Amino acid sequence: SVEHLVMTVRDISDRKRLASAMREQQRT
């Protein structure tokens, strides 16, 4: 049975924003 869950998290918001901006730039 599961006693604990160990979670690690990395913030990738900047990468997502950059990818979205690049897609928008390509569409333009």
PDB file of all heavy atoms in Angstrom:
ATOM      1  N   SER A   1       0.845  -1.196   0.000  1.00  0.00           N
ATOM      2  CA  SER A   1       0.000   0.000   0.000  1.00  0.00           C
ATOM      3  C   SER A   1       0.882   1.247   0.000  1.00  0.00           C
ATOM      4  O   SER A   1       2.042   1.226   0.410  1.00  0.00           O
ATOM      5  CB  SER A   1      -0.926   0.002   1.208  1.00  0.00           C
ATOM      6  OG  SER A   1      -0.166   0.021   2.412  1.00  0.00           O
ATOM      7  N   VAL A   2       0.311   2.345  -0.455  1.00  0.00           N
ATOM      8  CA  VAL A   2       1.058   3.594  -0.582  1.00  0.00           C
ATOM      9  C   VAL A   2       1.053   4.320   0.748  1.00  0.00           C
ATOM     10  O   VAL A   2      -0.006   4.614   1.317  1.00  0.00           O
ATOM     11  CB  VAL A   2       0.446   4.483  -1.684  1.00  0.00           C
ATOM     12  CG1 VAL A   2       1.216   5.792  -1.782  1.00  0.00           C
ATOM     13  CG2 VAL A   2       0.459   3.748  -3.027  1.00  0.00           C
ATOM     14  N   GLU A   3       2.270   4.634   1.225  1.00  0.00           N
ATOM     15  CA  GLU A   3       2.399   5.366   2.481  1.00  0.00           C
ATOM     16  C   GLU A   3       2.478   6.864   2.233  1.00  0.00           C
ATOM     17  O   GLU A   3       1.795   7.649   2.904  1.00  0.00           O
ATOM     18  CB  GLU A   3       3.630   4.890   3.239  1.00  0.00           C
ATOM     19  CG  GLU A   3       3.804   5.587   4.600  1.00  0.00           C
ATOM     20  CD  GLU A   3       5.013   5.067   5.353  1.00  0.00           C
ATOM     21  OE1 GLU A   3       5.774   4.245   4.782  1.00  0.00           O
ATOM     22  OE2 GLU A   3       5.212   5.473   6.514  1.00  0.00           O
ATOM     23  N   HIS A   4       3.320   7.272   1.305  1.00  0.00           N
ATOM     24  CA  HIS A   4       3.470   8.686   0.973  1.00  0.00           C
ATOM     25  C   HIS A   4       3.634   8.834  -0.538  1.00  0.00           C
ATOM     26  O   HIS A   4       4.063   7.914  -1.236  1.00  0.00           O
ATOM     27  CB  HIS A   4       4.694   9.301   1.663  1.00  0.00           C
ATOM     28  CG  HIS A   4       4.606   9.336   3.150  1.00  0.00           C
ATOM     29  ND1 HIS A   4       5.350   8.508   3.962  1.00  0.00           N
ATOM     30  CD2 HIS A   4       3.843  10.090   3.984  1.00  0.00           C
ATOM     31  CE1 HIS A   4       5.059   8.746   5.220  1.00  0.00           C
ATOM     32  NE2 HIS A   4       4.131   9.709   5.260  1.00  0.00           N
ATOM     33  N   LEU A   5       3.323  10.039  -1.001  1.00  0.00           N
ATOM     34  CA  LEU A   5       3.626  10.443  -2.375  1.00  0.00           C
ATOM     35  C   LEU A   5       4.698  11.528  -2.318  1.00  0.00           C
ATOM     36  O   LEU A   5       4.557  12.507  -1.567  1.00  0.00           O
ATOM     37  CB  LEU A   5       2.386  10.982  -3.087  1.00  0.00           C
ATOM     38  CG  LEU A   5       1.221  10.009  -3.292  1.00  0.00           C
ATOM     39  CD1 LEU A   5       0.052  10.733  -3.976  1.00  0.00           C
ATOM     40  CD2 LEU A   5       1.657   8.814  -4.114  1.00  0.00           C
ATOM     41  N   VAL A   6       5.748  11.339  -3.103  1.00  0.00           N
ATOM     42  CA  VAL A   6       6.822  12.327  -3.175  1.00  0.00           C
ATOM     43  C   VAL A   6       6.702  13.049  -4.522  1.00  0.00           C
ATOM     44  O   VAL A   6       6.742  12.413  -5.581  1.00  0.00           O
ATOM     45  CB  VAL A   6       8.201  11.655  -3.054  1.00  0.00           C
ATOM     46  CG1 VAL A   6       9.306  12.707  -3.126  1.00  0.00           C
ATOM     47  CG2 VAL A   6       8.292  10.870  -1.752  1.00  0.00           C
ATOM     48  N   MET A   7       6.519  14.375  -4.465  1.00  0.00           N
ATOM     49  CA  MET A   7       6.290  15.167  -5.675  1.00  0.00           C
ATOM     50  C   MET A   7       7.436  16.165  -5.882  1.00  0.00           C
ATOM     51  O   MET A   7       7.862  16.833  -4.932  1.00  0.00           O
ATOM     52  CB  MET A   7       4.958  15.918  -5.583  1.00  0.00           C
ATOM     53  CG  MET A   7       4.674  16.835  -6.797  1.00  0.00           C
ATOM     54  SD  MET A   7       3.137  17.784  -6.610  1.00  0.00           S
ATOM     55  CE  MET A   7       1.942  16.472  -6.698  1.00  0.00           C
ATOM     56  N   THR A   8       7.923  16.241  -7.111  1.00  0.00           N
ATOM     57  CA  THR A   8       8.883  17.292  -7.503  1.00  0.00           C
ATOM     58  C   THR A   8       8.257  18.094  -8.635  1.00  0.00           C
ATOM     59  O   THR A   8       7.606  17.527  -9.527  1.00  0.00           O
ATOM     60  CB  THR A   8      10.217  16.689  -7.968  1.00  0.00           C
ATOM     61  OG1 THR A   8       9.984  15.827  -9.074  1.00  0.00           O
ATOM     62  CG2 THR A   8      10.886  15.915  -6.847  1.00  0.00           C
ATOM     63  N   VAL A   9       8.481  19.400  -8.615  1.00  0.00           N
ATOM     64  CA  VAL A   9       7.820  20.312  -9.552  1.00  0.00           C
ATOM     65  C   VAL A   9       8.848  21.298 -10.096  1.00  0.00           C
ATOM     66  O   VAL A   9       9.644  21.854  -9.333  1.00  0.00           O
ATOM     67  CB  VAL A   9       6.664  21.076  -8.861  1.00  0.00           C
ATOM     68  CG1 VAL A   9       6.118  22.160  -9.783  1.00  0.00           C
ATOM     69  CG2 VAL A   9       5.558  20.106  -8.472  1.00  0.00           C
ATOM     70  N   ARG A  10       8.848  21.501 -11.404  1.00  0.00           N
ATOM     71  CA  ARG A  10       9.668  22.530 -12.044  1.00  0.00           C
ATOM     72  C   ARG A  10       8.749  23.513 -12.762  1.00  0.00           C
ATOM     73  O   ARG A  10       7.831  23.113 -13.485  1.00  0.00           O
ATOM     74  CB  ARG A  10      10.632  21.922 -13.061  1.00  0.00           C
ATOM     75  CG  ARG A  10      11.785  21.147 -12.454  1.00  0.00           C
ATOM     76  CD  ARG A  10      12.765  20.658 -13.517  1.00  0.00           C
ATOM     77  NE  ARG A  10      12.148  19.732 -14.441  1.00  0.00           N
ATOM     78  CZ  ARG A  10      11.892  19.982 -15.712  1.00  0.00           C
ATOM     79  NH1 ARG A  10      12.182  21.173 -16.207  1.00  0.00           N
ATOM     80  NH2 ARG A  10      11.331  19.080 -16.491  1.00  0.00           N
ATOM     81  N   ASP A  11       9.007  24.812 -12.577  1.00  0.00           N
ATOM     82  CA  ASP A  11       8.221  25.866 -13.217  1.00  0.00           C
ATOM     83  C   ASP A  11       8.668  25.993 -14.681  1.00  0.00           C
ATOM     84  O   ASP A  11       9.824  26.311 -14.978  1.00  0.00           O
ATOM     85  CB  ASP A  11       8.446  27.193 -12.483  1.00  0.00           C
ATOM     86  CG  ASP A  11       7.541  28.292 -13.003  1.00  0.00           C
ATOM     87  OD1 ASP A  11       6.888  28.101 -14.037  1.00  0.00           O
ATOM     88  OD2 ASP A  11       7.502  29.378 -12.368  1.00  0.00           O
ATOM     89  N   ILE A  12       7.754  25.716 -15.613  1.00  0.00           N
ATOM     90  CA  ILE A  12       8.072  25.815 -17.050  1.00  0.00           C
ATOM     91  C   ILE A  12       7.222  26.886 -17.730  1.00  0.00           C
ATOM     92  O   ILE A  12       6.995  26.843 -18.939  1.00  0.00           O
ATOM     93  CB  ILE A  12       7.876  24.455 -17.739  1.00  0.00           C
ATOM     94  CG1 ILE A  12       6.420  23.983 -17.583  1.00  0.00           C
ATOM     95  CG2 ILE A  12       8.840  23.416 -17.200  1.00  0.00           C
ATOM     96  CD1 ILE A  12       6.098  22.757 -18.419  1.00  0.00           C
ATOM     97  N   SER A  13       6.748  27.857 -16.946  1.00  0.00           N
ATOM     98  CA  SER A  13       5.874  28.894 -17.514  1.00  0.00           C
ATOM     99  C   SER A  13       6.593  29.697 -18.581  1.00  0.00           C
ATOM    100  O   SER A  13       6.024  30.021 -19.632  1.00  0.00           O
ATOM    101  CB  SER A  13       5.379  29.818 -16.398  1.00  0.00           C
ATOM    102  OG  SER A  13       4.638  29.099 -15.433  1.00  0.00           O
ATOM    103  N   ASP A  14       7.876  30.042 -18.324  1.00  0.00           N
ATOM    104  CA  ASP A  14       8.619  30.839 -19.308  1.00  0.00           C
ATOM    105  C   ASP A  14       8.759  30.084 -20.619  1.00  0.00           C
ATOM    106  O   ASP A  14       8.627  30.660 -21.710  1.00  0.00           O
ATOM    107  CB  ASP A  14      10.002  31.201 -18.754  1.00  0.00           C
ATOM    108  CG  ASP A  14       9.915  32.177 -17.593  1.00  0.00           C
ATOM    109  OD1 ASP A  14       8.876  32.861 -17.467  1.00  0.00           O
ATOM    110  OD2 ASP A  14      10.881  32.258 -16.824  1.00  0.00           O
ATOM    111  N   ARG A  15       9.034  28.800 -20.521  1.00  0.00           N
ATOM    112  CA  ARG A  15       9.166  28.003 -21.740  1.00  0.00           C
ATOM    113  C   ARG A  15       7.849  27.955 -22.504  1.00  0.00           C
ATOM    114  O   ARG A  15       7.818  28.056 -23.730  1.00  0.00           O
ATOM    115  CB  ARG A  15       9.609  26.588 -21.371  1.00  0.00           C
ATOM    116  CG  ARG A  15      10.013  25.739 -22.580  1.00  0.00           C
ATOM    117  CD  ARG A  15      10.264  24.313 -22.174  1.00  0.00           C
ATOM    118  NE  ARG A  15       8.994  23.621 -21.912  1.00  0.00           N
ATOM    119  CZ  ARG A  15       8.907  22.396 -21.415  1.00  0.00           C
ATOM    120  NH1 ARG A  15      10.008  21.737 -21.068  1.00  0.00           N
ATOM    121  NH2 ARG A  15       7.724  21.824 -21.213  1.00  0.00           N
ATOM    122  N   LYS A  16       6.755  27.800 -21.811  1.00  0.00           N
ATOM    123  CA  LYS A  16       5.440  27.760 -22.457  1.00  0.00           C
ATOM    124  C   LYS A  16       5.115  29.090 -23.138  1.00  0.00           C
ATOM    125  O   LYS A  16       4.605  29.132 -24.259  1.00  0.00           O
ATOM    126  CB  LYS A  16       4.362  27.439 -21.415  1.00  0.00           C
ATOM    127  CG  LYS A  16       4.399  26.013 -20.874  1.00  0.00           C
ATOM    128  CD  LYS A  16       3.819  25.058 -21.896  1.00  0.00           C
ATOM    129  CE  LYS A  16       3.658  23.661 -21.279  1.00  0.00           C
ATOM    130  NZ  LYS A  16       3.028  22.738 -22.217  1.00  0.00           N
ATOM    131  N   ARG A  17       5.420  30.189 -22.419  1.00  0.00           N
ATOM    132  CA  ARG A  17       5.147  31.504 -23.012  1.00  0.00           C
ATOM    133  C   ARG A  17       5.991  31.723 -24.255  1.00  0.00           C
ATOM    134  O   ARG A  17       5.527  32.295 -25.244  1.00  0.00           O
ATOM    135  CB  ARG A  17       5.386  32.603 -21.969  1.00  0.00           C
ATOM    136  CG  ARG A  17       4.268  32.711 -20.936  1.00  0.00           C
ATOM    137  CD  ARG A  17       4.406  33.994 -20.128  1.00  0.00           C
ATOM    138  NE  ARG A  17       5.559  33.963 -19.252  1.00  0.00           N
ATOM    139  CZ  ARG A  17       5.549  33.491 -18.006  1.00  0.00           C
ATOM    140  NH1 ARG A  17       4.423  33.007 -17.496  1.00  0.00           N
ATOM    141  NH2 ARG A  17       6.635  33.503 -17.260  1.00  0.00           N
ATOM    142  N   LEU A  18       7.249  31.309 -24.188  1.00  0.00           N
ATOM    143  CA  LEU A  18       8.130  31.470 -25.341  1.00  0.00           C
ATOM    144  C   LEU A  18       7.619  30.667 -26.533  1.00  0.00           C
ATOM    145  O   LEU A  18       7.585  31.143 -27.666  1.00  0.00           O
ATOM    146  CB  LEU A  18       9.550  31.023 -24.976  1.00  0.00           C
ATOM    147  CG  LEU A  18      10.583  31.073 -26.113  1.00  0.00           C
ATOM    148  CD1 LEU A  18      10.712  32.488 -26.651  1.00  0.00           C
ATOM    149  CD2 LEU A  18      11.931  30.550 -25.628  1.00  0.00           C
ATOM    150  N   ALA A  19       7.196  29.418 -26.285  1.00  0.00           N
ATOM    151  CA  ALA A  19       6.669  28.591 -27.372  1.00  0.00           C
ATOM    152  C   ALA A  19       5.411  29.218 -27.969  1.00  0.00           C
ATOM    153  O   ALA A  19       5.215  29.229 -29.191  1.00  0.00           O
ATOM    154  CB  ALA A  19       6.378  27.186 -26.865  1.00  0.00           C
ATOM    155  N   SER A  20       4.531  29.757 -27.110  1.00  0.00           N
ATOM    156  CA  SER A  20       3.310  30.394 -27.599  1.00  0.00           C
ATOM    157  C   SER A  20       3.635  31.628 -28.425  1.00  0.00           C
ATOM    158  O   SER A  20       3.031  31.873 -29.471  1.00  0.00           O
ATOM    159  CB  SER A  20       2.417  30.752 -26.395  1.00  0.00           C
ATOM    160  OG  SER A  20       1.264  31.442 -26.831  1.00  0.00           O
ATOM    161  N   ALA A  21       4.618  32.431 -27.946  1.00  0.00           N
ATOM    162  CA  ALA A  21       5.011  33.631 -28.688  1.00  0.00           C
ATOM    163  C   ALA A  21       5.592  33.269 -30.047  1.00  0.00           C
ATOM    164  O   ALA A  21       5.321  33.929 -31.050  1.00  0.00           O
ATOM    165  CB  ALA A  21       6.017  34.440 -27.863  1.00  0.00           C
ATOM    166  N   MET A  22       6.377  32.196 -30.087  1.00  0.00           N
ATOM    167  CA  MET A  22       6.966  31.771 -31.364  1.00  0.00           C
ATOM    168  C   MET A  22       5.900  31.297 -32.339  1.00  0.00           C
ATOM    169  O   MET A  22       5.959  31.583 -33.531  1.00  0.00           O
ATOM    170  CB  MET A  22       8.000  30.670 -31.123  1.00  0.00           C
ATOM    171  CG  MET A  22       9.244  31.132 -30.368  1.00  0.00           C
ATOM    172  SD  MET A  22      10.420  29.794 -30.050  1.00  0.00           S
ATOM    173  CE  MET A  22      10.900  29.407 -31.723  1.00  0.00           C
ATOM    174  N   ARG A  23       4.895  30.574 -31.813  1.00  0.00           N
ATOM    175  CA  ARG A  23       3.805  30.141 -32.691  1.00  0.00           C
ATOM    176  C   ARG A  23       3.027  31.336 -33.224  1.00  0.00           C
ATOM    177  O   ARG A  23       2.650  31.388 -34.396  1.00  0.00           O
ATOM    178  CB  ARG A  23       2.872  29.184 -31.939  1.00  0.00           C
ATOM    179  CG  ARG A  23       3.471  27.802 -31.678  1.00  0.00           C
ATOM    180  CD  ARG A  23       2.405  26.820 -31.216  1.00  0.00           C
ATOM    181  NE  ARG A  23       1.815  27.211 -29.946  1.00  0.00           N
ATOM    182  CZ  ARG A  23       2.293  26.817 -28.763  1.00  0.00           C
ATOM    183  NH1 ARG A  23       3.350  26.034 -28.694  1.00  0.00           N
ATOM    184  NH2 ARG A  23       1.712  27.204 -27.634  1.00  0.00           N
ATOM    185  N   GLU A  24       2.774  32.318 -32.372  1.00  0.00           N
ATOM    186  CA  GLU A  24       2.051  33.508 -32.810  1.00  0.00           C
ATOM    187  C   GLU A  24       2.844  34.288 -33.841  1.00  0.00           C
ATOM    188  O   GLU A  24       2.287  34.796 -34.825  1.00  0.00           O
ATOM    189  CB  GLU A  24       1.737  34.389 -31.580  1.00  0.00           C
ATOM    190  CG  GLU A  24       0.897  35.618 -31.888  1.00  0.00           C
ATOM    191  CD  GLU A  24      -0.469  35.249 -32.443  1.00  0.00           C
ATOM    192  OE1 GLU A  24      -0.963  34.161 -32.108  1.00  0.00           O
ATOM    193  OE2 GLU A  24      -1.043  36.052 -33.215  1.00  0.00           O
ATOM    194  N   GLN A  25       4.171  34.377 -33.607  1.00  0.00           N
ATOM    195  CA  GLN A  25       5.037  35.074 -34.565  1.00  0.00           C
ATOM    196  C   GLN A  25       5.021  34.385 -35.923  1.00  0.00           C
ATOM    197  O   GLN A  25       4.973  35.026 -36.962  1.00  0.00           O
ATOM    198  CB  GLN A  25       6.460  35.144 -34.016  1.00  0.00           C
ATOM    199  CG  GLN A  25       7.428  35.912 -34.907  1.00  0.00           C
ATOM    200  CD  GLN A  25       8.817  35.912 -34.334  1.00  0.00           C
ATOM    201  OE1 GLN A  25       9.139  35.145 -33.443  1.00  0.00           O
ATOM    202  NE2 GLN A  25       9.654  36.785 -34.834  1.00  0.00           N
ATOM    203  N   GLN A  26       5.033  33.035 -35.905  1.00  0.00           N
ATOM    204  CA  GLN A  26       5.005  32.289 -37.168  1.00  0.00           C
ATOM    205  C   GLN A  26       3.681  32.487 -37.891  1.00  0.00           C
ATOM    206  O   GLN A  26       3.639  32.622 -39.118  1.00  0.00           O
ATOM    207  CB  GLN A  26       5.253  30.793 -36.887  1.00  0.00           C
ATOM    208  CG  GLN A  26       5.348  29.949 -38.140  1.00  0.00           C
ATOM    209  CD  GLN A  26       6.504  30.365 -39.008  1.00  0.00           C
ATOM    210  OE1 GLN A  26       7.577  30.701 -38.513  1.00  0.00           O
ATOM    211  NE2 GLN A  26       6.287  30.384 -40.312  1.00  0.00           N
ATOM    212  N   ARG A  27       2.578  32.502 -37.110  1.00  0.00           N
ATOM    213  CA  ARG A  27       1.272  32.733 -37.742  1.00  0.00           C
ATOM    214  C   ARG A  27       1.216  34.118 -38.380  1.00  0.00           C
ATOM    215  O   ARG A  27       0.694  34.296 -39.481  1.00  0.00           O
ATOM    216  CB  ARG A  27       0.154  32.585 -36.704  1.00  0.00           C
ATOM    217  CG  ARG A  27      -0.164  31.133 -36.335  1.00  0.00           C
ATOM    218  CD  ARG A  27      -1.491  31.017 -35.606  1.00  0.00           C
ATOM    219  NE  ARG A  27      -1.461  31.676 -34.304  1.00  0.00           N
ATOM    220  CZ  ARG A  27      -1.119  31.066 -33.177  1.00  0.00           C
ATOM    221  NH1 ARG A  27      -0.797  29.784 -33.184  1.00  0.00           N
ATOM    222  NH2 ARG A  27      -1.107  31.724 -32.023  1.00  0.00           N
ATOM    223  N   THR A  28       1.761  35.118 -37.681  1.00  0.00           N
ATOM    224  CA  THR A  28       1.785  36.485 -38.224  1.00  0.00           C
ATOM    225  C   THR A  28       2.619  36.544 -39.496  1.00  0.00           C
ATOM    226  O   THR A  28       2.238  37.160 -40.492  1.00  0.00           O
ATOM    227  CB  THR A  28       2.348  37.455 -37.175  1.00  0.00           C
ATOM    228  OG1 THR A  28       1.553  37.381 -35.994  1.00  0.00           O
ATOM    229  CG2 THR A  28       2.327  38.875 -37.713  1.00  0.00           C
TER     230      THR A  28
END
